[in-house]
């Protein structure tokens, strides 16, 4: 877990476990979007789906299985998958990690529409990605809803300012995106209405997401963490510094 949380530091790629936890948290959010309309499929489940149907998840640079494949244990991660919500919720959010890049699939089960939110690309960047997209559209096994009739449509959405924040974009999109507006944005050939985020804002998002995970009610260490933080916050200064006759300035600190 220490390694996973280190991936939340600036200029780091987000670890797959962090986004899995975020999916789990969002699926339990007490708001109308996640209670009635949207279900987030954890990335390990998506990996398992592709592997089961023969889709290659190889690291093309090194010709070896991608690192995420070694994390997959289908039975272990089934606890994260709520099949009832998959059948009753209209929209599916599915974060995908491939070749060291995160993007988000949004599936409208009711209208059989399929969207790609990618912080690097507004069109498919390669034949390999196009093949992966087509496979995802036609793979009904995990959703039990039949195939979508259309090829994926890329949403014109503000992109990342660097090479490492794609995972942050995906997590914030899952929190903020209104999926009902994606089709209209694509049909009008215009940019989706969401703010452009620079690096300072993305660093702020990383801190917010860490706090959200740590303070989640499902975190077994939540109360212990709050206690430690309160102890740190309430450390009392030495008696001499509490004296009304002592004034400590920054100059005093430097002389020490």
C-alpha atoms as a PDB file:
ATOM      1  CA  UNK A   1       0.000   0.000   0.000  1.00  0.00           C
ATOM      2  CA  UNK A   2       2.928   2.306   0.603  1.00  0.00           C
ATOM      3  CA  UNK A   3       3.982   1.763  -3.010  1.00  0.00           C
ATOM      4  CA  UNK A   4       0.444   2.389  -4.235  1.00  0.00           C
ATOM      5  CA  UNK A   5       0.128   5.677  -2.360  1.00  0.00           C
ATOM      6  CA  UNK A   6       3.542   6.787  -3.566  1.00  0.00           C
ATOM      7  CA  UNK A   7       2.028   6.683  -7.047  1.00  0.00           C
ATOM      8  CA  UNK A   8      -0.206   9.576  -5.949  1.00  0.00           C
ATOM      9  CA  UNK A   9       2.795  11.890  -5.633  1.00  0.00           C
ATOM     10  CA  UNK A  10       3.206  14.454  -8.446  1.00  0.00           C
ATOM     11  CA  UNK A  11       4.832  13.263 -11.685  1.00  0.00           C
ATOM     12  CA  UNK A  12       4.005   9.589 -10.982  1.00  0.00           C
ATOM     13  CA  UNK A  13       1.786   7.170 -12.886  1.00  0.00           C
ATOM     14  CA  UNK A  14      -1.259   6.168 -10.849  1.00  0.00           C
ATOM     15  CA  UNK A  15      -1.144   2.553  -9.642  1.00  0.00           C
ATOM     16  CA  UNK A  16      -3.975   0.261 -10.769  1.00  0.00           C
ATOM     17  CA  UNK A  17      -4.947  -0.512  -7.169  1.00  0.00           C
ATOM     18  CA  UNK A  18      -5.593   3.171  -6.450  1.00  0.00           C
ATOM     19  CA  UNK A  19      -8.136   3.435  -9.270  1.00  0.00           C
ATOM     20  CA  UNK A  20      -9.714   0.142  -8.195  1.00  0.00           C
ATOM     21  CA  UNK A  21     -10.217   1.598  -4.706  1.00  0.00           C
ATOM     22  CA  UNK A  22     -11.632   4.793  -6.203  1.00  0.00           C
ATOM     23  CA  UNK A  23     -14.154   2.781  -8.240  1.00  0.00           C
ATOM     24  CA  UNK A  24     -15.209   0.984  -5.068  1.00  0.00           C
ATOM     25  CA  UNK A  25     -15.658   4.306  -3.222  1.00  0.00           C
ATOM     26  CA  UNK A  26     -17.628   5.961  -6.033  1.00  0.00           C
ATOM     27  CA  UNK A  27     -19.969   2.979  -6.364  1.00  0.00           C
ATOM     28  CA  UNK A  28     -20.961   3.566  -2.729  1.00  0.00           C
ATOM     29  CA  UNK A  29     -21.411   7.335  -3.099  1.00  0.00           C
ATOM     30  CA  UNK A  30     -24.742   8.489  -1.722  1.00  0.00           C
ATOM     31  CA  UNK A  31     -25.759  10.662  -4.642  1.00  0.00           C
ATOM     32  CA  UNK A  32     -28.268  10.124  -7.427  1.00  0.00           C
ATOM     33  CA  UNK A  33     -25.731   9.579 -10.202  1.00  0.00           C
ATOM     34  CA  UNK A  34     -23.983   6.596  -8.612  1.00  0.00           C
ATOM     35  CA  UNK A  35     -27.008   5.228  -6.793  1.00  0.00           C
ATOM     36  CA  UNK A  36     -29.233   5.071  -9.889  1.00  0.00           C
ATOM     37  CA  UNK A  37     -27.399   5.660 -13.156  1.00  0.00           C
ATOM     38  CA  UNK A  38     -23.629   5.036 -13.138  1.00  0.00           C
ATOM     39  CA  UNK A  39     -21.580   2.016 -12.126  1.00  0.00           C
ATOM     40  CA  UNK A  40     -17.754   1.997 -12.190  1.00  0.00           C
ATOM     41  CA  UNK A  41     -16.147  -1.289 -13.215  1.00  0.00           C
ATOM     42  CA  UNK A  42     -12.759  -1.712 -11.466  1.00  0.00           C
ATOM     43  CA  UNK A  43      -9.854  -1.988 -13.916  1.00  0.00           C
ATOM     44  CA  UNK A  44      -8.834  -5.505 -12.818  1.00  0.00           C
ATOM     45  CA  UNK A  45     -12.245  -6.779 -13.916  1.00  0.00           C
ATOM     46  CA  UNK A  46     -11.810  -5.162 -17.320  1.00  0.00           C
ATOM     47  CA  UNK A  47      -8.370  -6.736 -17.669  1.00  0.00           C
ATOM     48  CA  UNK A  48      -9.818 -10.118 -16.800  1.00  0.00           C
ATOM     49  CA  UNK A  49     -12.549  -9.689 -19.391  1.00  0.00           C
ATOM     50  CA  UNK A  50     -10.048  -8.932 -22.153  1.00  0.00           C
ATOM     51  CA  UNK A  51      -7.746 -11.778 -21.113  1.00  0.00           C
ATOM     52  CA  UNK A  52     -10.587 -14.272 -20.985  1.00  0.00           C
ATOM     53  CA  UNK A  53     -11.506 -13.520 -24.573  1.00  0.00           C
ATOM     54  CA  UNK A  54      -7.993 -13.652 -25.929  1.00  0.00           C
ATOM     55  CA  UNK A  55      -7.230  -9.959 -26.289  1.00  0.00           C
ATOM     56  CA  UNK A  56      -3.476  -9.398 -26.104  1.00  0.00           C
ATOM     57  CA  UNK A  57      -2.337  -7.281 -23.186  1.00  0.00           C
ATOM     58  CA  UNK A  58       1.345  -7.256 -24.071  1.00  0.00           C
ATOM     59  CA  UNK A  59       3.900  -4.581 -23.392  1.00  0.00           C
ATOM     60  CA  UNK A  60       4.808  -3.819 -26.995  1.00  0.00           C
ATOM     61  CA  UNK A  61       8.177  -2.300 -26.041  1.00  0.00           C
ATOM     62  CA  UNK A  62       9.495  -5.315 -24.163  1.00  0.00           C
ATOM     63  CA  UNK A  63       7.359  -8.107 -25.643  1.00  0.00           C
ATOM     64  CA  UNK A  64       6.258  -9.327 -22.221  1.00  0.00           C
ATOM     65  CA  UNK A  65       2.962  -9.413 -20.330  1.00  0.00           C
ATOM     66  CA  UNK A  66       1.988  -5.981 -19.085  1.00  0.00           C
ATOM     67  CA  UNK A  67       2.546  -5.403 -15.361  1.00  0.00           C
ATOM     68  CA  UNK A  68      -1.168  -5.154 -14.655  1.00  0.00           C
ATOM     69  CA  UNK A  69      -1.734  -8.713 -15.840  1.00  0.00           C
ATOM     70  CA  UNK A  70       0.194 -10.095 -12.882  1.00  0.00           C
ATOM     71  CA  UNK A  71      -2.203  -8.353 -10.466  1.00  0.00           C
ATOM     72  CA  UNK A  72      -5.304 -10.012 -11.822  1.00  0.00           C
ATOM     73  CA  UNK A  73      -7.033 -12.716  -9.812  1.00  0.00           C
ATOM     74  CA  UNK A  74     -10.608 -12.918 -11.001  1.00  0.00           C
ATOM     75  CA  UNK A  75     -12.096 -14.601  -7.932  1.00  0.00           C
ATOM     76  CA  UNK A  76     -10.319 -12.238  -5.553  1.00  0.00           C
ATOM     77  CA  UNK A  77     -11.653  -9.125  -7.287  1.00  0.00           C
ATOM     78  CA  UNK A  78     -15.209 -10.365  -7.797  1.00  0.00           C
ATOM     79  CA  UNK A  79     -16.012  -8.759  -4.427  1.00  0.00           C
ATOM     80  CA  UNK A  80     -15.719  -5.414  -6.212  1.00  0.00           C
ATOM     81  CA  UNK A  81     -18.238  -6.305  -8.925  1.00  0.00           C
ATOM     82  CA  UNK A  82     -21.942  -5.677  -8.328  1.00  0.00           C
ATOM     83  CA  UNK A  83     -23.713  -7.579 -11.095  1.00  0.00           C
ATOM     84  CA  UNK A  84     -27.105  -6.204 -10.032  1.00  0.00           C
ATOM     85  CA  UNK A  85     -25.941  -2.655 -10.717  1.00  0.00           C
ATOM     86  CA  UNK A  86     -24.440  -3.744 -14.028  1.00  0.00           C
ATOM     87  CA  UNK A  87     -27.917  -4.864 -15.075  1.00  0.00           C
ATOM     88  CA  UNK A  88     -29.902  -1.935 -13.674  1.00  0.00           C
ATOM     89  CA  UNK A  89     -27.665   1.113 -14.142  1.00  0.00           C
ATOM     90  CA  UNK A  90     -27.770   2.861 -17.499  1.00  0.00           C
ATOM     91  CA  UNK A  91     -24.113   3.934 -17.696  1.00  0.00           C
ATOM     92  CA  UNK A  92     -20.904   1.995 -17.160  1.00  0.00           C
ATOM     93  CA  UNK A  93     -17.608   3.746 -16.435  1.00  0.00           C
ATOM     94  CA  UNK A  94     -14.644   1.484 -17.197  1.00  0.00           C
ATOM     95  CA  UNK A  95     -11.083   2.792 -16.591  1.00  0.00           C
ATOM     96  CA  UNK A  96      -8.493   1.085 -18.784  1.00  0.00           C
ATOM     97  CA  UNK A  97      -4.699   0.884 -18.412  1.00  0.00           C
ATOM     98  CA  UNK A  98      -2.745  -0.108 -21.504  1.00  0.00           C
ATOM     99  CA  UNK A  99       0.873   0.636 -22.520  1.00  0.00           C
ATOM    100  CA  UNK A 100       1.380   2.914 -19.516  1.00  0.00           C
ATOM    101  CA  UNK A 101      -1.647   5.060 -20.292  1.00  0.00           C
ATOM    102  CA  UNK A 102      -5.056   5.401 -18.624  1.00  0.00           C
ATOM    103  CA  UNK A 103      -8.289   6.289 -20.413  1.00  0.00           C
ATOM    104  CA  UNK A 104     -11.995   5.896 -19.629  1.00  0.00           C
ATOM    105  CA  UNK A 105     -14.683   3.968 -21.488  1.00  0.00           C
ATOM    106  CA  UNK A 106     -18.232   5.237 -20.960  1.00  0.00           C
ATOM    107  CA  UNK A 107     -20.970   2.864 -22.085  1.00  0.00           C
ATOM    108  CA  UNK A 108     -24.626   3.850 -22.425  1.00  0.00           C
ATOM    109  CA  UNK A 109     -26.302   0.459 -22.071  1.00  0.00           C
ATOM    110  CA  UNK A 110     -29.790   1.812 -22.790  1.00  0.00           C
ATOM    111  CA  UNK A 111     -28.899   3.490 -26.114  1.00  0.00           C
ATOM    112  CA  UNK A 112     -26.038   1.116 -27.022  1.00  0.00           C
ATOM    113  CA  UNK A 113     -23.566   3.992 -27.294  1.00  0.00           C
ATOM    114  CA  UNK A 114     -19.893   3.785 -26.475  1.00  0.00           C
ATOM    115  CA  UNK A 115     -17.546   6.710 -25.732  1.00  0.00           C
ATOM    116  CA  UNK A 116     -13.826   7.077 -25.125  1.00  0.00           C
ATOM    117  CA  UNK A 117     -12.460   9.793 -22.830  1.00  0.00           C
ATOM    118  CA  UNK A 118      -8.737  10.041 -23.373  1.00  0.00           C
ATOM    119  CA  UNK A 119      -6.552  12.838 -22.007  1.00  0.00           C
ATOM    120  CA  UNK A 120      -4.007  12.320 -24.813  1.00  0.00           C
ATOM    121  CA  UNK A 121      -6.108  11.514 -27.871  1.00  0.00           C
ATOM    122  CA  UNK A 122      -9.329  12.665 -29.496  1.00  0.00           C
ATOM    123  CA  UNK A 123      -9.015  10.000 -32.194  1.00  0.00           C
ATOM    124  CA  UNK A 124      -7.691   6.454 -31.992  1.00  0.00           C
ATOM    125  CA  UNK A 125      -3.874   6.742 -31.938  1.00  0.00           C
ATOM    126  CA  UNK A 126      -3.110   3.336 -33.496  1.00  0.00           C
ATOM    127  CA  UNK A 127      -4.549   0.259 -35.168  1.00  0.00           C
ATOM    128  CA  UNK A 128      -3.908  -1.628 -31.934  1.00  0.00           C
ATOM    129  CA  UNK A 129      -6.092   0.804 -29.995  1.00  0.00           C
ATOM    130  CA  UNK A 130      -8.804   0.655 -32.662  1.00  0.00           C
ATOM    131  CA  UNK A 131      -8.798  -3.133 -32.378  1.00  0.00           C
ATOM    132  CA  UNK A 132      -9.031  -2.925 -28.600  1.00  0.00           C
ATOM    133  CA  UNK A 133     -11.936  -0.475 -28.824  1.00  0.00           C
ATOM    134  CA  UNK A 134     -13.844  -2.671 -31.259  1.00  0.00           C
ATOM    135  CA  UNK A 135     -13.271  -5.689 -29.047  1.00  0.00           C
ATOM    136  CA  UNK A 136     -14.585  -3.792 -25.990  1.00  0.00           C
ATOM    137  CA  UNK A 137     -17.713  -2.733 -27.880  1.00  0.00           C
ATOM    138  CA  UNK A 138     -18.508  -6.290 -28.884  1.00  0.00           C
ATOM    139  CA  UNK A 139     -17.618  -8.072 -25.649  1.00  0.00           C
ATOM    140  CA  UNK A 140     -20.902  -8.643 -23.804  1.00  0.00           C
ATOM    141  CA  UNK A 141     -19.725 -11.194 -21.246  1.00  0.00           C
ATOM    142  CA  UNK A 142     -19.234  -8.906 -18.274  1.00  0.00           C
ATOM    143  CA  UNK A 143     -22.262  -6.718 -18.910  1.00  0.00           C
ATOM    144  CA  UNK A 144     -24.719  -9.388 -20.017  1.00  0.00           C
ATOM    145  CA  UNK A 145     -26.400  -6.755 -22.167  1.00  0.00           C
ATOM    146  CA  UNK A 146     -25.494  -7.700 -25.730  1.00  0.00           C
ATOM    147  CA  UNK A 147     -23.254  -5.830 -28.112  1.00  0.00           C
ATOM    148  CA  UNK A 148     -23.277  -2.112 -28.770  1.00  0.00           C
ATOM    149  CA  UNK A 149     -24.192  -1.256 -32.342  1.00  0.00           C
ATOM    150  CA  UNK A 150     -21.764   1.632 -32.885  1.00  0.00           C
ATOM    151  CA  UNK A 151     -18.009   1.996 -32.888  1.00  0.00           C
ATOM    152  CA  UNK A 152     -16.563   4.017 -30.010  1.00  0.00           C
ATOM    153  CA  UNK A 153     -16.712   7.784 -30.329  1.00  0.00           C
ATOM    154  CA  UNK A 154     -13.871   9.857 -28.927  1.00  0.00           C
ATOM    155  CA  UNK A 155     -15.010  12.832 -26.868  1.00  0.00           C
ATOM    156  CA  UNK A 156     -13.171  16.114 -27.471  1.00  0.00           C
ATOM    157  CA  UNK A 157     -12.124  16.861 -23.911  1.00  0.00           C
ATOM    158  CA  UNK A 158      -9.278  18.990 -22.475  1.00  0.00           C
ATOM    159  CA  UNK A 159      -6.040  16.993 -22.298  1.00  0.00           C
ATOM    160  CA  UNK A 160      -3.199  16.401 -19.873  1.00  0.00           C
ATOM    161  CA  UNK A 161      -0.256  18.861 -19.713  1.00  0.00           C
ATOM    162  CA  UNK A 162       2.344  16.125 -19.115  1.00  0.00           C
ATOM    163  CA  UNK A 163       2.989  12.391 -19.516  1.00  0.00           C
ATOM    164  CA  UNK A 164       1.993  11.195 -16.033  1.00  0.00           C
ATOM    165  CA  UNK A 165      -1.420  12.600 -15.054  1.00  0.00           C
ATOM    166  CA  UNK A 166      -3.678  10.412 -17.209  1.00  0.00           C
ATOM    167  CA  UNK A 167      -4.785   8.421 -14.136  1.00  0.00           C
ATOM    168  CA  UNK A 168      -5.724  11.605 -12.272  1.00  0.00           C
ATOM    169  CA  UNK A 169      -7.848  12.684 -15.241  1.00  0.00           C
ATOM    170  CA  UNK A 170      -9.650   9.336 -15.252  1.00  0.00           C
ATOM    171  CA  UNK A 171     -10.474   9.500 -11.529  1.00  0.00           C
ATOM    172  CA  UNK A 172     -11.719  13.090 -11.722  1.00  0.00           C
ATOM    173  CA  UNK A 173     -13.760  12.308 -14.835  1.00  0.00           C
ATOM    174  CA  UNK A 174     -15.477   9.460 -12.997  1.00  0.00           C
ATOM    175  CA  UNK A 175     -16.375  11.942 -10.248  1.00  0.00           C
ATOM    176  CA  UNK A 176     -17.441  14.870 -12.435  1.00  0.00           C
ATOM    177  CA  UNK A 177     -18.589  13.745 -15.888  1.00  0.00           C
ATOM    178  CA  UNK A 178     -22.299  13.871 -16.720  1.00  0.00           C
ATOM    179  CA  UNK A 179     -22.529  10.967 -19.193  1.00  0.00           C
ATOM    180  CA  UNK A 180     -25.865  12.162 -20.600  1.00  0.00           C
ATOM    181  CA  UNK A 181     -24.065  15.058 -22.311  1.00  0.00           C
ATOM    182  CA  UNK A 182     -21.439  13.041 -24.199  1.00  0.00           C
ATOM    183  CA  UNK A 183     -23.587  12.134 -27.211  1.00  0.00           C
ATOM    184  CA  UNK A 184     -24.688  15.732 -27.807  1.00  0.00           C
ATOM    185  CA  UNK A 185     -21.078  16.907 -27.583  1.00  0.00           C
ATOM    186  CA  UNK A 186     -19.958  14.359 -30.193  1.00  0.00           C
ATOM    187  CA  UNK A 187     -22.878  15.036 -32.516  1.00  0.00           C
ATOM    188  CA  UNK A 188     -22.247  18.795 -32.438  1.00  0.00           C
ATOM    189  CA  UNK A 189     -18.517  18.177 -32.960  1.00  0.00           C
ATOM    190  CA  UNK A 190     -17.621  20.456 -30.082  1.00  0.00           C
ATOM    191  CA  UNK A 191     -15.438  20.239 -27.000  1.00  0.00           C
ATOM    192  CA  UNK A 192     -17.106  18.763 -23.929  1.00  0.00           C
ATOM    193  CA  UNK A 193     -17.855  21.480 -21.402  1.00  0.00           C
ATOM    194  CA  UNK A 194     -15.307  20.908 -18.649  1.00  0.00           C
ATOM    195  CA  UNK A 195     -12.466  23.048 -17.322  1.00  0.00           C
ATOM    196  CA  UNK A 196      -8.916  22.671 -18.573  1.00  0.00           C
ATOM    197  CA  UNK A 197      -6.627  21.541 -15.746  1.00  0.00           C
ATOM    198  CA  UNK A 198      -3.008  22.629 -15.423  1.00  0.00           C
ATOM    199  CA  UNK A 199      -0.294  20.935 -13.340  1.00  0.00           C
ATOM    200  CA  UNK A 200      -0.992  22.932 -10.099  1.00  0.00           C
ATOM    201  CA  UNK A 201      -4.664  21.912 -10.256  1.00  0.00           C
ATOM    202  CA  UNK A 202      -3.731  18.292 -10.908  1.00  0.00           C
ATOM    203  CA  UNK A 203      -1.397  18.259  -7.880  1.00  0.00           C
ATOM    204  CA  UNK A 204      -4.303  19.585  -5.823  1.00  0.00           C
ATOM    205  CA  UNK A 205      -6.516  16.801  -7.205  1.00  0.00           C
ATOM    206  CA  UNK A 206      -3.938  14.192  -6.157  1.00  0.00           C
ATOM    207  CA  UNK A 207      -4.080  15.445  -2.550  1.00  0.00           C
ATOM    208  CA  UNK A 208      -7.886  15.470  -2.591  1.00  0.00           C
ATOM    209  CA  UNK A 209      -8.033  11.915  -3.912  1.00  0.00           C
ATOM    210  CA  UNK A 210      -5.583  10.636  -1.274  1.00  0.00           C
ATOM    211  CA  UNK A 211      -7.723  12.231   1.451  1.00  0.00           C
ATOM    212  CA  UNK A 212     -10.869  10.701  -0.055  1.00  0.00           C
ATOM    213  CA  UNK A 213      -9.337   7.220  -0.030  1.00  0.00           C
ATOM    214  CA  UNK A 214      -7.846   7.481   3.468  1.00  0.00           C
ATOM    215  CA  UNK A 215     -11.054   8.881   4.984  1.00  0.00           C
ATOM    216  CA  UNK A 216     -13.333   6.412   3.230  1.00  0.00           C
ATOM    217  CA  UNK A 217     -15.581   4.543   5.644  1.00  0.00           C
ATOM    218  CA  UNK A 218     -14.350   1.259   4.159  1.00  0.00           C
ATOM    219  CA  UNK A 219     -10.758   1.993   5.150  1.00  0.00           C
ATOM    220  CA  UNK A 220      -9.978  -0.223   8.145  1.00  0.00           C
ATOM    221  CA  UNK A 221      -7.278   2.236   9.239  1.00  0.00           C
ATOM    222  CA  UNK A 222      -9.557   5.294   8.973  1.00  0.00           C
ATOM    223  CA  UNK A 223     -10.118   5.916  12.695  1.00  0.00           C
ATOM    224  CA  UNK A 224      -6.477   5.241  13.515  1.00  0.00           C
ATOM    225  CA  UNK A 225      -5.397   7.689  10.822  1.00  0.00           C
ATOM    226  CA  UNK A 226      -7.770  10.393  12.104  1.00  0.00           C
ATOM    227  CA  UNK A 227      -6.448   9.881  15.644  1.00  0.00           C
ATOM    228  CA  UNK A 228      -2.837  10.231  14.502  1.00  0.00           C
ATOM    229  CA  UNK A 229      -3.629  13.361  12.505  1.00  0.00           C
ATOM    230  CA  UNK A 230      -5.445  14.884  15.472  1.00  0.00           C
ATOM    231  CA  UNK A 231      -2.499  14.106  17.750  1.00  0.00           C
ATOM    232  CA  UNK A 232      -0.162  15.815  15.306  1.00  0.00           C
ATOM    233  CA  UNK A 233      -2.451  18.812  15.033  1.00  0.00           C
ATOM    234  CA  UNK A 234      -2.835  19.192  18.794  1.00  0.00           C
ATOM    235  CA  UNK A 235       0.807  18.979  19.859  1.00  0.00           C
ATOM    236  CA  UNK A 236       1.255  21.687  22.498  1.00  0.00           C
ATOM    237  CA  UNK A 237       4.340  23.925  22.477  1.00  0.00           C
ATOM    238  CA  UNK A 238       6.791  23.907  25.379  1.00  0.00           C
ATOM    239  CA  UNK A 239       5.831  25.874  28.491  1.00  0.00           C
ATOM    240  CA  UNK A 240       8.416  28.570  27.850  1.00  0.00           C
ATOM    241  CA  UNK A 241       6.886  29.257  24.430  1.00  0.00           C
ATOM    242  CA  UNK A 242       3.414  29.511  25.957  1.00  0.00           C
ATOM    243  CA  UNK A 243       4.577  32.299  28.243  1.00  0.00           C
ATOM    244  CA  UNK A 244       3.003  35.689  27.372  1.00  0.00           C
ATOM    245  CA  UNK A 245       6.433  37.290  27.998  1.00  0.00           C
ATOM    246  CA  UNK A 246       8.174  35.357  25.234  1.00  0.00           C
ATOM    247  CA  UNK A 247       7.938  36.458  21.611  1.00  0.00           C
ATOM    248  CA  UNK A 248       9.520  34.140  19.063  1.00  0.00           C
ATOM    249  CA  UNK A 249      10.358  35.554  15.643  1.00  0.00           C
ATOM    250  CA  UNK A 250      11.635  33.985  12.451  1.00  0.00           C
ATOM    251  CA  UNK A 251      15.050  35.491  13.220  1.00  0.00           C
ATOM    252  CA  UNK A 252      15.197  33.389  16.387  1.00  0.00           C
ATOM    253  CA  UNK A 253      14.520  30.267  14.365  1.00  0.00           C
ATOM    254  CA  UNK A 254      17.340  31.021  11.940  1.00  0.00           C
ATOM    255  CA  UNK A 255      19.826  31.650  14.769  1.00  0.00           C
ATOM    256  CA  UNK A 256      19.038  28.214  16.195  1.00  0.00           C
END
